[in-house]
Amino acid sequence: AHFGYSLNRSSRDQIYNGTNIGIYEVQPGDLLFYNNGGSTIGHVALYIGNGQIVHASNARTGIKISSAYYRTPICVARYLN
């Protein structure tokens, strides 16, 4: 908020805060959204470049770096222009 940006708490709501972009336009700082096996968004990750994301994987493995395409992203959003 200090820098003029706000972001909803849940991944399924965060998609509405940014500008949707194409998957092939992804740049570091963009958020990639993944479905939860159904039709709703259940996971979000921060793209860090070179085909990689940083994300909260699960309670056992915690925060980690993974391939951005470990699952197929259903949407990409940009927040900083």
N, C-alpha and C. Protein backbone atom coordinates (compact mmCIF):
# COMPACT_ATOMS: atom_id res chain seq x y z
N ALA A 1 0.82 -1.19 0.00
CA ALA A 1 0.00 0.00 0.00
C ALA A 1 0.87 1.26 0.00
N HIS A 2 2.00 1.18 0.67
CA HIS A 2 2.91 2.33 0.77
C HIS A 2 3.34 2.81 -0.62
N PHE A 3 3.44 1.91 -1.59
CA PHE A 3 3.88 2.27 -2.94
C PHE A 3 2.72 2.39 -3.93
N GLY A 4 1.49 2.36 -3.42
CA GLY A 4 0.33 2.56 -4.28
C GLY A 4 -0.24 1.29 -4.91
N TYR A 5 0.12 0.13 -4.38
CA TYR A 5 -0.38 -1.14 -4.91
C TYR A 5 -1.12 -1.89 -3.81
N SER A 6 -2.12 -2.65 -4.22
CA SER A 6 -2.79 -3.52 -3.27
C SER A 6 -3.01 -4.87 -3.94
N LEU A 7 -3.10 -5.90 -3.13
CA LEU A 7 -3.24 -7.26 -3.63
C LEU A 7 -4.14 -8.02 -2.67
N ASN A 8 -5.17 -8.63 -3.21
CA ASN A 8 -6.05 -9.43 -2.37
C ASN A 8 -5.28 -10.58 -1.74
N ARG A 9 -5.82 -11.16 -0.67
CA ARG A 9 -5.13 -12.21 0.06
C ARG A 9 -5.16 -13.56 -0.65
N SER A 10 -6.29 -13.96 -1.22
CA SER A 10 -6.39 -15.31 -1.78
C SER A 10 -6.00 -15.34 -3.26
N SER A 11 -5.46 -16.46 -3.69
CA SER A 11 -5.03 -16.61 -5.08
C SER A 11 -6.19 -16.44 -6.05
N ARG A 12 -7.38 -16.90 -5.69
CA ARG A 12 -8.51 -16.79 -6.62
C ARG A 12 -9.02 -15.37 -6.73
N ASP A 13 -8.64 -14.50 -5.79
CA ASP A 13 -9.01 -13.09 -5.88
C ASP A 13 -7.89 -12.23 -6.45
N GLN A 14 -6.64 -12.65 -6.29
CA GLN A 14 -5.50 -11.87 -6.77
C GLN A 14 -5.51 -11.68 -8.28
N ILE A 15 -6.09 -12.61 -8.99
CA ILE A 15 -6.13 -12.53 -10.44
C ILE A 15 -6.83 -11.26 -10.92
N TYR A 16 -7.73 -10.71 -10.11
CA TYR A 16 -8.48 -9.52 -10.50
C TYR A 16 -7.74 -8.22 -10.20
N ASN A 17 -6.61 -8.28 -9.52
CA ASN A 17 -5.86 -7.08 -9.18
C ASN A 17 -4.91 -6.63 -10.28
N GLY A 18 -4.48 -7.54 -11.12
CA GLY A 18 -3.48 -7.20 -12.14
C GLY A 18 -4.07 -7.14 -13.54
N THR A 19 -3.16 -7.04 -14.51
CA THR A 19 -3.52 -7.04 -15.92
C THR A 19 -3.18 -8.41 -16.48
N ASN A 20 -4.17 -9.10 -17.04
CA ASN A 20 -3.91 -10.41 -17.63
C ASN A 20 -3.04 -10.27 -18.86
N ILE A 21 -2.04 -11.14 -18.97
CA ILE A 21 -1.14 -11.14 -20.12
C ILE A 21 -1.04 -12.57 -20.64
N GLY A 22 -0.50 -12.72 -21.83
CA GLY A 22 -0.31 -14.04 -22.40
C GLY A 22 0.82 -14.79 -21.72
N ILE A 23 0.72 -16.09 -21.70
CA ILE A 23 1.73 -16.93 -21.03
C ILE A 23 3.12 -16.73 -21.63
N TYR A 24 3.20 -16.40 -22.90
CA TYR A 24 4.50 -16.22 -23.54
C TYR A 24 5.05 -14.81 -23.36
N GLU A 25 4.30 -13.95 -22.67
CA GLU A 25 4.76 -12.59 -22.38
C GLU A 25 5.29 -12.47 -20.95
N VAL A 26 5.34 -13.58 -20.22
CA VAL A 26 5.69 -13.57 -18.80
C VAL A 26 7.09 -12.98 -18.59
N GLN A 27 7.19 -12.14 -17.56
CA GLN A 27 8.45 -11.50 -17.18
C GLN A 27 8.62 -11.64 -15.66
N PRO A 28 9.86 -11.55 -15.19
CA PRO A 28 10.06 -11.61 -13.74
C PRO A 28 9.16 -10.60 -13.02
N GLY A 29 8.53 -11.06 -11.95
CA GLY A 29 7.62 -10.23 -11.17
C GLY A 29 6.15 -10.52 -11.47
N ASP A 30 5.87 -11.18 -12.60
CA ASP A 30 4.49 -11.53 -12.93
C ASP A 30 4.04 -12.71 -12.07
N LEU A 31 2.74 -12.81 -11.85
CA LEU A 31 2.18 -13.92 -11.09
C LEU A 31 1.55 -14.93 -12.04
N LEU A 32 1.85 -16.21 -11.81
CA LEU A 32 1.26 -17.31 -12.57
C LEU A 32 0.24 -17.99 -11.68
N PHE A 33 -0.92 -18.26 -12.25
CA PHE A 33 -2.02 -18.88 -11.51
C PHE A 33 -2.28 -20.28 -12.04
N TYR A 34 -2.53 -21.19 -11.12
CA TYR A 34 -2.74 -22.60 -11.45
C TYR A 34 -4.08 -23.04 -10.87
N ASN A 35 -4.75 -23.97 -11.54
CA ASN A 35 -6.00 -24.47 -10.97
C ASN A 35 -5.70 -25.53 -9.94
N ASN A 36 -6.72 -25.87 -9.17
CA ASN A 36 -6.56 -26.82 -8.07
C ASN A 36 -7.01 -28.22 -8.47
N GLY A 37 -6.99 -28.51 -9.76
CA GLY A 37 -7.47 -29.79 -10.25
C GLY A 37 -8.91 -29.69 -10.72
N GLY A 38 -9.53 -28.57 -10.43
CA GLY A 38 -10.90 -28.31 -10.88
C GLY A 38 -10.90 -27.09 -11.77
N SER A 39 -11.92 -26.29 -11.62
CA SER A 39 -12.04 -25.12 -12.49
C SER A 39 -11.69 -23.81 -11.78
N THR A 40 -11.33 -23.88 -10.50
CA THR A 40 -11.00 -22.66 -9.77
C THR A 40 -9.50 -22.55 -9.53
N ILE A 41 -9.06 -21.33 -9.35
CA ILE A 41 -7.65 -21.08 -9.06
C ILE A 41 -7.37 -21.50 -7.63
N GLY A 42 -6.29 -22.25 -7.45
CA GLY A 42 -5.96 -22.73 -6.13
C GLY A 42 -4.51 -22.50 -5.73
N HIS A 43 -3.72 -21.92 -6.67
CA HIS A 43 -2.30 -21.73 -6.36
C HIS A 43 -1.77 -20.58 -7.19
N VAL A 44 -0.87 -19.81 -6.61
CA VAL A 44 -0.25 -18.69 -7.31
C VAL A 44 1.24 -18.72 -7.03
N ALA A 45 2.03 -18.29 -8.01
CA ALA A 45 3.48 -18.28 -7.87
C ALA A 45 4.05 -17.03 -8.52
N LEU A 46 5.21 -16.60 -8.07
CA LEU A 46 5.90 -15.44 -8.60
C LEU A 46 6.95 -15.89 -9.61
N TYR A 47 6.87 -15.39 -10.84
CA TYR A 47 7.83 -15.74 -11.87
C TYR A 47 9.14 -15.01 -11.60
N ILE A 48 10.27 -15.74 -11.59
CA ILE A 48 11.57 -15.13 -11.30
C ILE A 48 12.51 -15.15 -12.49
N GLY A 49 12.03 -15.64 -13.64
CA GLY A 49 12.85 -15.66 -14.85
C GLY A 49 13.39 -17.04 -15.15
N ASN A 50 13.89 -17.21 -16.36
CA ASN A 50 14.50 -18.47 -16.80
C ASN A 50 13.58 -19.67 -16.61
N GLY A 51 12.26 -19.46 -16.78
CA GLY A 51 11.32 -20.56 -16.67
C GLY A 51 11.08 -21.04 -15.25
N GLN A 52 11.41 -20.20 -14.25
CA GLN A 52 11.27 -20.63 -12.86
C GLN A 52 10.34 -19.71 -12.07
N ILE A 53 9.74 -20.30 -11.03
CA ILE A 53 8.87 -19.58 -10.10
C ILE A 53 9.35 -19.82 -8.68
N VAL A 54 8.97 -18.93 -7.80
CA VAL A 54 9.12 -19.15 -6.36
C VAL A 54 7.71 -19.20 -5.81
N HIS A 55 7.46 -20.20 -4.95
CA HIS A 55 6.10 -20.39 -4.43
C HIS A 55 6.13 -21.17 -3.13
N ALA A 56 5.01 -21.06 -2.42
CA ALA A 56 4.81 -21.85 -1.20
C ALA A 56 4.26 -23.19 -1.64
N SER A 57 5.12 -24.18 -1.72
CA SER A 57 4.76 -25.48 -2.27
C SER A 57 3.72 -26.19 -1.41
N ASN A 58 4.09 -26.54 -0.20
CA ASN A 58 3.17 -27.17 0.75
C ASN A 58 3.79 -27.10 2.14
N ALA A 59 3.08 -27.57 3.15
CA ALA A 59 3.57 -27.46 4.53
C ALA A 59 4.86 -28.24 4.74
N ARG A 60 5.04 -29.34 4.03
CA ARG A 60 6.22 -30.17 4.22
C ARG A 60 7.45 -29.58 3.54
N THR A 61 7.32 -29.09 2.30
CA THR A 61 8.48 -28.61 1.55
C THR A 61 8.66 -27.10 1.63
N GLY A 62 7.64 -26.36 2.05
CA GLY A 62 7.75 -24.92 2.25
C GLY A 62 7.94 -24.12 0.98
N ILE A 63 8.64 -23.00 1.11
CA ILE A 63 8.91 -22.11 -0.02
C ILE A 63 10.02 -22.73 -0.86
N LYS A 64 9.79 -22.78 -2.18
CA LYS A 64 10.82 -23.35 -3.03
C LYS A 64 10.76 -22.79 -4.44
N ILE A 65 11.78 -23.06 -5.20
CA ILE A 65 11.87 -22.68 -6.60
C ILE A 65 11.55 -23.91 -7.44
N SER A 66 10.67 -23.72 -8.43
CA SER A 66 10.25 -24.81 -9.30
C SER A 66 10.19 -24.32 -10.74
N SER A 67 10.02 -25.24 -11.66
CA SER A 67 9.75 -24.88 -13.04
C SER A 67 8.39 -24.19 -13.10
N ALA A 68 8.29 -23.14 -13.87
CA ALA A 68 7.02 -22.43 -14.02
C ALA A 68 5.97 -23.32 -14.66
N TYR A 69 6.42 -24.38 -15.30
CA TYR A 69 5.50 -25.24 -16.05
C TYR A 69 5.39 -26.63 -15.43
N TYR A 70 5.61 -26.71 -14.09
CA TYR A 70 5.43 -27.99 -13.40
C TYR A 70 3.97 -28.43 -13.50
N ARG A 71 3.10 -27.46 -13.64
CA ARG A 71 1.70 -27.63 -14.03
C ARG A 71 1.44 -26.53 -15.05
N THR A 72 0.40 -26.68 -15.83
CA THR A 72 0.10 -25.67 -16.83
C THR A 72 -0.60 -24.48 -16.17
N PRO A 73 0.02 -23.30 -16.24
CA PRO A 73 -0.65 -22.12 -15.69
C PRO A 73 -1.92 -21.84 -16.47
N ILE A 74 -2.96 -21.40 -15.77
CA ILE A 74 -4.20 -21.08 -16.46
C ILE A 74 -4.31 -19.58 -16.74
N CYS A 75 -3.45 -18.79 -16.11
CA CYS A 75 -3.49 -17.35 -16.31
C CYS A 75 -2.19 -16.75 -15.81
N VAL A 76 -1.80 -15.62 -16.41
CA VAL A 76 -0.65 -14.86 -15.95
C VAL A 76 -1.11 -13.42 -15.78
N ALA A 77 -0.71 -12.79 -14.71
CA ALA A 77 -1.10 -11.40 -14.47
C ALA A 77 0.12 -10.57 -14.12
N ARG A 78 0.11 -9.34 -14.61
CA ARG A 78 1.19 -8.38 -14.33
C ARG A 78 0.63 -7.31 -13.41
N TYR A 79 1.42 -6.96 -12.40
CA TYR A 79 0.99 -5.96 -11.42
C TYR A 79 1.81 -4.68 -11.50
N LEU A 80 3.06 -4.80 -11.87
CA LEU A 80 3.93 -3.63 -11.99
C LEU A 80 4.22 -3.39 -13.46
N ASN A 81 3.93 -2.22 -13.94
CA ASN A 81 4.16 -1.92 -15.37
C ASN A 81 5.43 -1.15 -15.59
